[in-house]
Amino acid sequence: MRTSGFKIQPCGTILQRCVPVLIASLLLFIPSCSRPAESAPDAAAQAPTAPVVKVTRQNLTNELEIASEFRPYQEIDVHAKESGYVKQLDIDWGTHVKTGQLMAVLEIPELEEQIDHDKAAEQRSEQDLARAREELTRAQSAYQVAHLTYTRLDGVQKTNPGLVAPEEVDVAQGKDQEASAEVSASRAAAAAAEQELAAAKATLQKDQALFGYARIVAPFDGVVTKLDAYTGALLPAGTSSSENGLALCHLSQNDLLRLVIPVPETVVPDVHIGEAVQVRVSALNRTFQGKVTRFSDQIDLETRTMHTEVQVPNPSYEIVPGMYAYVDFPVAKRKSALSVPVQAITREGNTALAYRVNQSNQIELQPVTLGLETRSQIEILSGLAEGDRVVVGNTGQLRAGEIVRPKAIELSEMEGAR
């Protein structure tokens, strides 16, 4: 019987040819399957390290930085009340003085002579008053005798008209009236003498008070920042209308300083009296605590700013007036806001991304919606949850789906590495 070109082989012959091929294929397959299992630990060990932080909730405050320079809380030119020569000088440039401390003593010869004249006038007035009082006492005694004589004669005449002549009664009456007038005059003279004594004492007190201004004392705690007069110099009276009157010194209160801040109009609603602010002094590389104490409550129409003052205590005199400072005004606040460091956000055009590390340590590019941004933190409105791990720092070498070795770091470490 013919077939159509096929030749039937025995089964044993087919198996003999197929078995070696199958064995060779198995030998090739086994090594290829074992290689991925052996390289997986090596791939994890070679994964790049990624610094990560957790998404947390914080109180955020946005600040506006404005530069200004320190001014003394108050400063004046110390003038003499009375014109005189500097006899004693107890201060110099940079001298720190307390309220009431003696700074200089003036010599005023004319006023000293005037005080001696006033004392003599007071003594003379006291003597005049003593004489007037003695005269008043004598006049009162004479009046008592004259009045008693007249009263007795008048009584006798009324009871026994024939015993006393009417002329004697009239004379006694005249002497009584004359003595009464002398008492009135003596009393007026004594009152005038008392007034003269009071005037003399007032004049003496006034001149002594003026002479007291020969001792120039500090009106407040401060520092002598400029000395204008030395021993022997003539200081004119500070009440003189001359604008070129020589002052003793320039005194500044530096234990409390003020900063005058031109606050922009847009920030005015956020400025409140008593609010604490941070004041950074670059020259000292330090930050001090200040407080908003006053503002003009009116916008300057030319600059569109409001005059605002910040006081900064300076008990150790570390800050020198004239130094520059930067004041941080809090202009926006968020309480318990979901936030991450600003270094954890990558911006691509109008899109903000966070490199989140999932539970499998793989990178996920997560779009986020941002809110309030401060110097170090940024608010997350959507896209991340509290506790998520996000990569901070350089993310340029990371790709979505890449396995990394996350390393938790503190924000201070990240700032120190920058």
Protein backbone atom coordinates (compact mmCIF):
# COMPACT_ATOMS: atom_id res chain seq x y z
CA MET A 1 0.00 0.00 0.00
CA ARG A 2 1.26 3.46 -0.91
CA THR A 3 1.38 6.45 1.30
CA SER A 4 1.41 10.10 0.37
CA GLY A 5 5.10 10.89 1.04
CA PHE A 6 5.17 10.32 4.82
CA LYS A 7 7.29 7.66 6.31
CA ILE A 8 6.13 6.21 9.61
CA GLN A 9 8.92 5.91 12.19
CA PRO A 10 8.82 3.62 15.16
CA CYS A 11 8.04 5.26 18.56
CA GLY A 12 11.27 4.20 20.12
CA THR A 13 13.25 5.99 17.54
CA ILE A 14 11.37 9.28 18.19
CA LEU A 15 11.96 9.15 21.95
CA GLN A 16 15.61 8.48 21.47
CA ARG A 17 15.94 11.70 19.48
CA CYS A 18 13.74 13.95 21.72
CA VAL A 19 15.13 13.09 25.17
CA PRO A 20 18.60 14.66 24.64
CA VAL A 21 16.99 17.83 23.32
CA LEU A 22 14.73 18.12 26.38
CA ILE A 23 17.61 17.59 28.79
CA ALA A 24 19.68 20.27 27.10
CA SER A 25 16.78 22.71 27.26
CA LEU A 26 16.32 22.09 31.00
CA LEU A 27 19.99 22.68 31.67
CA LEU A 28 19.79 26.02 29.90
CA PHE A 29 16.58 27.10 31.70
CA ILE A 30 17.72 26.38 35.26
CA PRO A 31 20.64 28.94 35.33
CA SER A 32 18.48 31.60 33.71
CA CYS A 33 15.89 31.20 36.48
CA SER A 34 18.40 31.30 39.28
CA ARG A 35 20.12 34.59 38.25
CA PRO A 36 17.26 37.06 39.12
CA ALA A 37 16.85 35.45 42.54
CA GLU A 38 20.53 35.94 43.26
CA SER A 39 20.66 39.61 41.98
CA ALA A 40 17.59 40.99 43.90
CA PRO A 41 19.48 41.63 47.18
CA ASP A 42 22.27 43.26 45.22
CA ALA A 43 19.80 45.65 43.52
CA ALA A 44 18.27 46.68 46.88
CA ALA A 45 21.72 47.26 48.36
CA GLN A 46 22.70 49.44 45.43
CA ALA A 47 19.49 51.59 45.66
CA PRO A 48 20.28 55.32 46.20
CA THR A 49 19.76 56.85 49.63
CA ALA A 50 16.99 59.43 49.76
CA PRO A 51 16.62 61.90 52.68
CA VAL A 52 12.97 61.99 53.71
CA VAL A 53 10.76 63.81 56.22
CA LYS A 54 7.21 63.12 57.29
CA VAL A 55 4.28 65.34 56.48
CA THR A 56 3.25 66.98 59.77
CA ARG A 57 0.88 69.60 61.10
CA GLN A 58 2.39 72.89 62.28
CA ASN A 59 1.42 76.47 63.05
CA LEU A 60 2.65 78.52 60.10
CA THR A 61 3.32 82.25 60.04
CA ASN A 62 4.21 84.22 56.95
CA GLU A 63 6.45 87.22 57.60
CA LEU A 64 7.32 90.46 55.84
CA GLU A 65 10.91 91.60 56.30
CA ILE A 66 11.49 95.36 56.48
CA ALA A 67 14.86 97.04 57.06
CA SER A 68 15.36 99.95 59.43
CA GLU A 69 18.00 101.46 61.70
CA PHE A 70 18.05 101.73 65.47
CA ARG A 71 17.41 105.05 67.15
CA PRO A 72 17.77 105.97 70.83
CA TYR A 73 14.50 105.90 72.70
CA GLN A 74 15.11 109.57 73.48
CA GLU A 75 18.04 111.93 72.95
CA ILE A 76 18.58 115.58 73.89
CA ASP A 77 21.16 118.34 74.05
CA VAL A 78 21.82 119.11 77.71
CA HIS A 79 21.86 122.91 78.20
CA ALA A 80 22.54 125.07 81.25
CA LYS A 81 19.55 126.72 82.89
CA GLU A 82 21.68 129.70 83.92
CA SER A 83 24.68 131.12 82.13
CA GLY A 84 27.96 130.25 83.83
CA TYR A 85 31.47 128.86 83.51
CA VAL A 86 32.14 125.13 83.73
CA LYS A 87 33.87 124.75 87.08
CA GLN A 88 33.67 120.96 87.46
CA LEU A 89 33.19 118.37 84.72
CA ASP A 90 32.35 114.76 85.67
CA ILE A 91 31.55 113.32 82.22
CA ASP A 92 33.26 112.59 78.92
CA TRP A 93 32.49 110.87 75.63
CA GLY A 94 30.78 107.53 76.24
CA THR A 95 30.08 108.11 79.95
CA HIS A 96 27.05 106.16 81.20
CA VAL A 97 24.98 108.19 83.65
CA LYS A 98 21.95 107.52 85.85
CA THR A 99 18.99 109.78 86.46
CA GLY A 100 20.01 112.60 88.82
CA GLN A 101 23.73 111.89 88.53
CA LEU A 102 25.94 115.02 88.66
CA MET A 103 27.42 115.83 85.27
CA ALA A 104 28.94 119.30 85.75
CA VAL A 105 29.05 122.26 88.16
CA LEU A 106 28.94 125.85 86.90
CA GLU A 107 30.43 128.93 88.48
CA ILE A 108 27.96 131.87 88.51
CA PRO A 109 29.52 134.83 90.45
CA GLU A 110 26.67 137.28 89.80
CA LEU A 111 24.09 134.87 91.16
CA GLU A 112 26.16 134.18 94.27
CA GLU A 113 26.27 137.93 94.98
CA GLN A 114 22.55 138.18 94.40
CA ILE A 115 21.92 135.44 96.93
CA ASP A 116 24.01 137.31 99.54
CA HIS A 117 21.94 140.46 98.83
CA ASP A 118 18.73 138.47 99.19
CA LYS A 119 19.83 137.07 102.54
CA ALA A 120 20.60 140.59 103.82
CA ALA A 121 17.22 141.82 102.62
CA GLU A 122 15.53 138.91 104.40
CA GLN A 123 17.30 139.76 107.67
CA ARG A 124 16.32 143.43 107.33
CA SER A 125 12.71 142.46 106.71
CA GLU A 126 12.74 140.22 109.77
CA GLN A 127 14.00 143.13 111.90
CA ASP A 128 11.38 145.50 110.48
CA LEU A 129 8.69 142.97 111.27
CA ALA A 130 9.95 142.63 114.84
CA ARG A 131 9.83 146.41 115.32
CA ALA A 132 6.36 146.61 113.80
CA ARG A 133 5.10 143.93 116.15
CA GLU A 134 6.61 145.74 119.16
CA GLU A 135 4.95 148.97 118.07
CA LEU A 136 1.66 147.13 117.71
CA THR A 137 1.99 145.79 121.24
CA ARG A 138 2.72 149.32 122.63
CA ALA A 139 -0.23 150.80 120.74
CA GLN A 140 -2.55 148.09 122.02
CA SER A 141 -1.42 148.76 125.64
CA ALA A 142 -1.95 152.54 125.23
CA TYR A 143 -5.36 151.88 123.76
CA GLN A 144 -6.37 149.67 126.67
CA VAL A 145 -5.42 152.45 129.21
CA ALA A 146 -7.16 155.21 127.22
CA HIS A 147 -10.25 153.13 126.64
CA LEU A 148 -10.48 152.12 130.34
CA THR A 149 -10.12 155.78 131.46
CA TYR A 150 -12.81 156.93 129.07
CA THR A 151 -15.16 154.13 130.09
CA ARG A 152 -14.83 154.94 133.80
CA LEU A 153 -15.30 158.72 133.38
CA ASP A 154 -18.25 158.20 131.13
CA GLY A 155 -19.84 155.86 133.67
CA VAL A 156 -19.34 158.30 136.57
CA GLN A 157 -20.84 161.12 134.51
CA LYS A 158 -23.92 159.11 133.80
CA THR A 159 -24.42 158.10 137.45
CA ASN A 160 -23.23 161.35 139.14
CA PRO A 161 -23.18 164.19 136.60
CA GLY A 162 -21.80 166.70 139.05
CA LEU A 163 -18.66 164.79 140.02
CA VAL A 164 -16.90 164.88 136.61
CA ALA A 165 -16.66 167.83 134.30
CA PRO A 166 -17.89 167.16 130.74
CA GLU A 167 -14.60 168.45 129.36
CA GLU A 168 -12.67 165.61 131.09
CA VAL A 169 -14.97 163.06 129.57
CA ASP A 170 -14.51 164.55 126.09
CA VAL A 171 -10.71 164.55 126.47
CA ALA A 172 -10.75 160.92 127.61
CA GLN A 173 -12.93 160.00 124.65
CA GLY A 174 -10.54 161.69 122.21
CA LYS A 175 -7.54 159.87 123.67
CA ASP A 176 -9.44 156.58 123.38
CA GLN A 177 -10.15 157.12 119.71
CA GLU A 178 -6.57 158.24 119.04
CA ALA A 179 -5.18 155.10 120.71
CA SER A 180 -7.56 152.94 118.66
CA ALA A 181 -6.30 154.56 115.44
CA GLU A 182 -2.70 153.96 116.47
CA VAL A 183 -3.50 150.27 117.02
CA SER A 184 -4.96 150.02 113.50
CA ALA A 185 -1.92 151.77 112.01
CA SER A 186 0.47 149.53 113.93
CA ARG A 187 -1.42 146.45 112.83
CA ALA A 188 -1.22 147.58 109.18
CA ALA A 189 2.50 148.30 109.54
CA ALA A 190 3.06 144.82 110.99
CA ALA A 191 1.12 143.25 108.12
CA ALA A 192 3.21 145.22 105.61
CA ALA A 193 6.38 144.08 107.33
CA GLU A 194 5.20 140.46 107.11
CA GLN A 195 4.56 140.85 103.38
CA GLU A 196 7.99 142.38 102.83
CA LEU A 197 9.55 139.48 104.68
CA ALA A 198 7.60 136.97 102.59
CA ALA A 199 8.71 138.74 99.40
CA ALA A 200 12.32 138.72 100.55
CA LYS A 201 12.13 135.02 101.32
CA ALA A 202 10.55 134.29 97.93
CA THR A 203 13.28 136.23 96.15
CA LEU A 204 15.93 134.33 98.08
CA GLN A 205 14.30 131.00 97.31
CA LYS A 206 14.05 131.89 93.63
CA ASP A 207 17.71 132.86 93.39
CA GLN A 208 18.75 129.79 95.37
CA ALA A 209 16.72 127.63 92.99
CA LEU A 210 18.44 129.25 90.04
CA PHE A 211 21.78 128.75 91.72
CA GLY A 212 20.84 125.10 92.11
CA TYR A 213 20.92 124.85 88.32
CA ALA A 214 24.64 125.43 88.59
CA ARG A 215 24.67 121.68 89.27
CA ILE A 216 23.78 120.04 85.95
CA VAL A 217 22.40 116.53 86.49
CA ALA A 218 21.29 113.77 84.09
CA PRO A 219 17.55 113.95 83.31
CA PHE A 220 17.41 110.21 82.48
CA ASP A 221 19.59 107.11 82.25
CA GLY A 222 21.73 107.45 79.17
CA VAL A 223 25.07 107.67 77.42
CA VAL A 224 27.02 110.83 76.64
CA THR A 225 27.39 110.46 72.88
CA LYS A 226 28.93 113.90 72.37
CA LEU A 227 30.68 116.40 74.65
CA ASP A 228 30.44 120.04 73.55
CA ALA A 229 32.01 121.94 76.47
CA TYR A 230 35.01 121.45 78.71
CA THR A 231 36.25 122.96 81.98
CA GLY A 232 36.33 126.75 81.81
CA ALA A 233 33.88 127.04 78.91
CA LEU A 234 31.06 129.57 79.18
CA LEU A 235 27.68 127.94 78.82
CA PRO A 236 24.84 130.29 77.89
CA ALA A 237 21.42 129.88 79.44
CA GLY A 238 19.35 127.28 77.66
CA THR A 239 16.35 129.60 77.62
CA SER A 240 18.13 131.94 75.22
CA SER A 241 16.45 132.45 71.87
CA SER A 242 19.77 131.91 70.12
CA GLU A 243 19.86 128.64 68.19
CA ASN A 244 23.65 128.51 68.41
CA GLY A 245 23.74 128.28 72.19
CA LEU A 246 26.50 125.96 73.32
CA ALA A 247 25.26 122.77 74.99
CA LEU A 248 27.13 120.81 77.61
CA CYS A 249 26.68 117.45 75.89
CA HIS A 250 24.39 115.23 73.85
CA LEU A 251 22.66 112.54 75.92
CA SER A 252 21.00 109.42 74.47
CA GLN A 253 18.92 106.76 76.17
CA ASN A 254 20.33 103.56 74.67
CA ASP A 255 19.06 100.92 77.09
CA LEU A 256 15.81 101.02 75.14
CA LEU A 257 15.88 101.53 71.38
CA ARG A 258 13.25 102.15 68.79
CA LEU A 259 12.90 101.21 65.12
CA VAL A 260 10.78 103.34 62.82
CA ILE A 261 9.22 101.05 60.22
CA PRO A 262 7.38 102.24 57.08
CA VAL A 263 4.76 99.48 56.94
CA PRO A 264 3.21 99.04 53.47
CA GLU A 265 -0.48 99.74 53.10
CA THR A 266 -1.32 96.11 52.32
CA VAL A 267 0.14 94.97 55.65
CA VAL A 268 -1.42 97.68 57.84
CA PRO A 269 -4.47 95.55 58.87
CA ASP A 270 -2.10 92.88 60.23
CA VAL A 271 -0.13 95.27 62.50
CA HIS A 272 -1.27 95.32 66.13
CA ILE A 273 0.12 97.21 69.15
CA GLY A 274 1.82 94.87 71.60
CA GLU A 275 2.58 92.24 68.97
CA ALA A 276 5.99 90.56 69.30
CA VAL A 277 8.32 90.67 66.30
CA GLN A 278 11.74 89.25 65.52
CA VAL A 279 14.53 91.78 64.95
CA ARG A 280 17.62 90.48 63.19
CA VAL A 281 20.86 92.48 63.54
CA SER A 282 23.34 91.44 60.87
CA ALA A 283 26.30 93.24 62.45
CA LEU A 284 25.90 91.15 65.62
CA ASN A 285 24.64 88.01 63.86
CA ARG A 286 21.88 87.83 66.46
CA THR A 287 18.12 88.04 66.64
CA PHE A 288 16.38 90.09 69.34
CA GLN A 289 12.79 90.24 70.55
CA GLY A 290 10.93 93.46 69.81
CA LYS A 291 7.40 94.75 70.33
CA VAL A 292 5.16 97.01 68.30
CA THR A 293 4.48 99.97 70.60
CA ARG A 294 2.82 102.64 68.48
CA PHE A 295 1.87 103.67 64.96
CA SER A 296 0.55 106.83 63.36
CA ASP A 297 -2.78 105.25 62.39
CA GLN A 298 -2.61 107.14 59.10
CA ILE A 299 -1.31 106.25 55.65
CA ASP A 300 1.31 108.54 54.14
CA LEU A 301 -0.21 109.58 50.82
CA GLU A 302 3.18 109.88 49.12
CA THR A 303 4.76 106.58 50.16
CA ARG A 304 1.57 104.60 50.89
CA THR A 305 3.09 103.43 54.16
CA MET A 306 2.24 103.89 57.84
CA HIS A 307 4.71 105.13 60.48
CA THR A 308 5.16 102.23 62.92
CA GLU A 309 7.55 101.97 65.87
CA VAL A 310 9.08 98.86 67.38
CA GLN A 311 10.83 98.97 70.76
CA VAL A 312 13.78 96.70 71.49
CA PRO A 313 15.21 96.42 75.03
CA ASN A 314 18.99 96.87 75.11
CA PRO A 315 20.00 96.49 78.79
CA SER A 316 23.53 95.29 77.97
CA TYR A 317 24.09 98.02 75.36
CA GLU A 318 24.97 95.36 72.76
CA ILE A 319 23.09 97.22 70.05
CA VAL A 320 24.51 100.59 69.06
CA PRO A 321 22.13 103.23 67.65
CA GLY A 322 22.61 103.51 63.92
CA MET A 323 22.99 99.76 63.37
CA TYR A 324 20.83 98.26 60.66
CA ALA A 325 18.15 95.72 61.55
CA TYR A 326 15.61 93.60 59.71
CA VAL A 327 12.17 93.31 61.29
CA ASP A 328 9.94 90.33 60.52
CA PHE A 329 6.26 91.30 60.62
CA PRO A 330 3.81 88.36 60.78
CA VAL A 331 1.26 89.05 58.05
CA ALA A 332 -0.54 85.66 57.70
CA LYS A 333 -1.09 82.75 60.08
CA ARG A 334 -2.31 79.16 59.78
CA LYS A 335 -2.95 76.95 62.81
CA SER A 336 -2.29 73.20 62.64
CA ALA A 337 -1.64 73.32 58.90
CA LEU A 338 -0.49 70.23 56.98
CA SER A 339 3.03 71.19 55.90
CA VAL A 340 6.36 70.01 54.54
CA PRO A 341 9.74 71.75 54.14
CA VAL A 342 9.94 73.95 51.06
CA GLN A 343 12.77 71.72 49.80
CA ALA A 344 10.29 68.86 49.49
CA ILE A 345 8.35 70.53 46.69
CA THR A 346 9.43 70.55 43.05
CA ARG A 347 7.78 73.02 40.75
CA GLU A 348 7.34 72.33 37.06
CA GLY A 349 5.62 75.31 35.53
CA ASN A 350 2.29 75.74 37.30
CA THR A 351 2.44 72.22 38.72
CA ALA A 352 3.86 71.39 42.14
CA LEU A 353 5.11 67.86 42.78
CA ALA A 354 6.20 65.93 45.84
CA TYR A 355 8.41 62.84 45.64
CA ARG A 356 6.57 60.52 47.99
CA VAL A 357 8.12 57.24 49.17
CA ASN A 358 5.50 54.51 49.50
CA GLN A 359 5.53 51.44 51.75
CA SER A 360 7.62 49.53 49.19
CA ASN A 361 10.24 52.33 49.23
CA GLN A 362 9.35 53.27 45.68
CA ILE A 363 9.22 56.83 44.40
CA GLU A 364 5.79 58.22 43.53
CA LEU A 365 5.41 61.60 41.86
CA GLN A 366 2.45 63.17 43.64
CA PRO A 367 0.89 66.45 42.41
CA VAL A 368 0.04 68.72 45.34
CA THR A 369 -1.91 71.93 45.93
CA LEU A 370 0.03 74.52 47.92
CA GLY A 371 -1.13 77.12 50.43
CA LEU A 372 0.75 79.50 52.73
CA GLU A 373 4.51 79.50 52.27
CA THR A 374 7.02 80.59 54.91
CA ARG A 375 10.79 80.66 54.83
CA SER A 376 11.13 76.99 55.75
CA GLN A 377 7.67 75.39 55.49
CA ILE A 378 4.91 75.26 52.95
CA GLU A 379 1.26 74.39 53.49
CA ILE A 380 -0.21 71.37 51.67
CA LEU A 381 -3.88 71.79 50.81
CA SER A 382 -4.25 68.49 48.92
CA GLY A 383 -2.20 65.62 47.52
CA LEU A 384 -0.50 64.41 50.70
CA ALA A 385 -1.65 63.00 54.01
CA GLU A 386 -0.23 63.41 57.50
CA GLY A 387 2.56 60.91 58.07
CA ASP A 388 3.50 60.52 54.38
CA ARG A 389 7.23 60.37 53.66
CA VAL A 390 8.53 62.84 51.09
CA VAL A 391 12.01 63.33 49.68
CA VAL A 392 13.76 66.60 50.46
CA GLY A 393 16.71 68.15 48.72
CA ASN A 394 17.94 67.23 45.24
CA THR A 395 15.41 65.06 43.43
CA GLY A 396 16.83 65.49 39.94
CA GLN A 397 18.32 61.96 39.85
CA LEU A 398 15.16 60.20 41.08
CA ARG A 399 12.53 58.62 38.82
CA ALA A 400 8.99 57.43 39.39
CA GLY A 401 8.91 53.77 40.47
CA GLU A 402 12.57 53.77 41.48
CA ILE A 403 13.42 51.93 44.69
CA VAL A 404 15.33 54.03 47.24
CA ARG A 405 16.69 53.62 50.74
CA PRO A 406 14.82 56.30 52.76
CA LYS A 407 16.74 58.03 55.53
CA ALA A 408 14.73 60.16 57.96
CA ILE A 409 16.41 63.47 58.75
CA GLU A 410 15.62 66.53 60.84
CA LEU A 411 15.00 69.91 59.29
CA SER A 412 18.06 71.33 61.11
CA GLU A 413 20.28 68.70 59.49
CA MET A 414 18.93 69.59 56.07
CA GLU A 415 19.56 73.31 56.64
CA GLY A 416 23.08 72.59 57.87
CA ALA A 417 23.86 70.62 54.77
CA ARG A 418 22.85 73.45 52.47
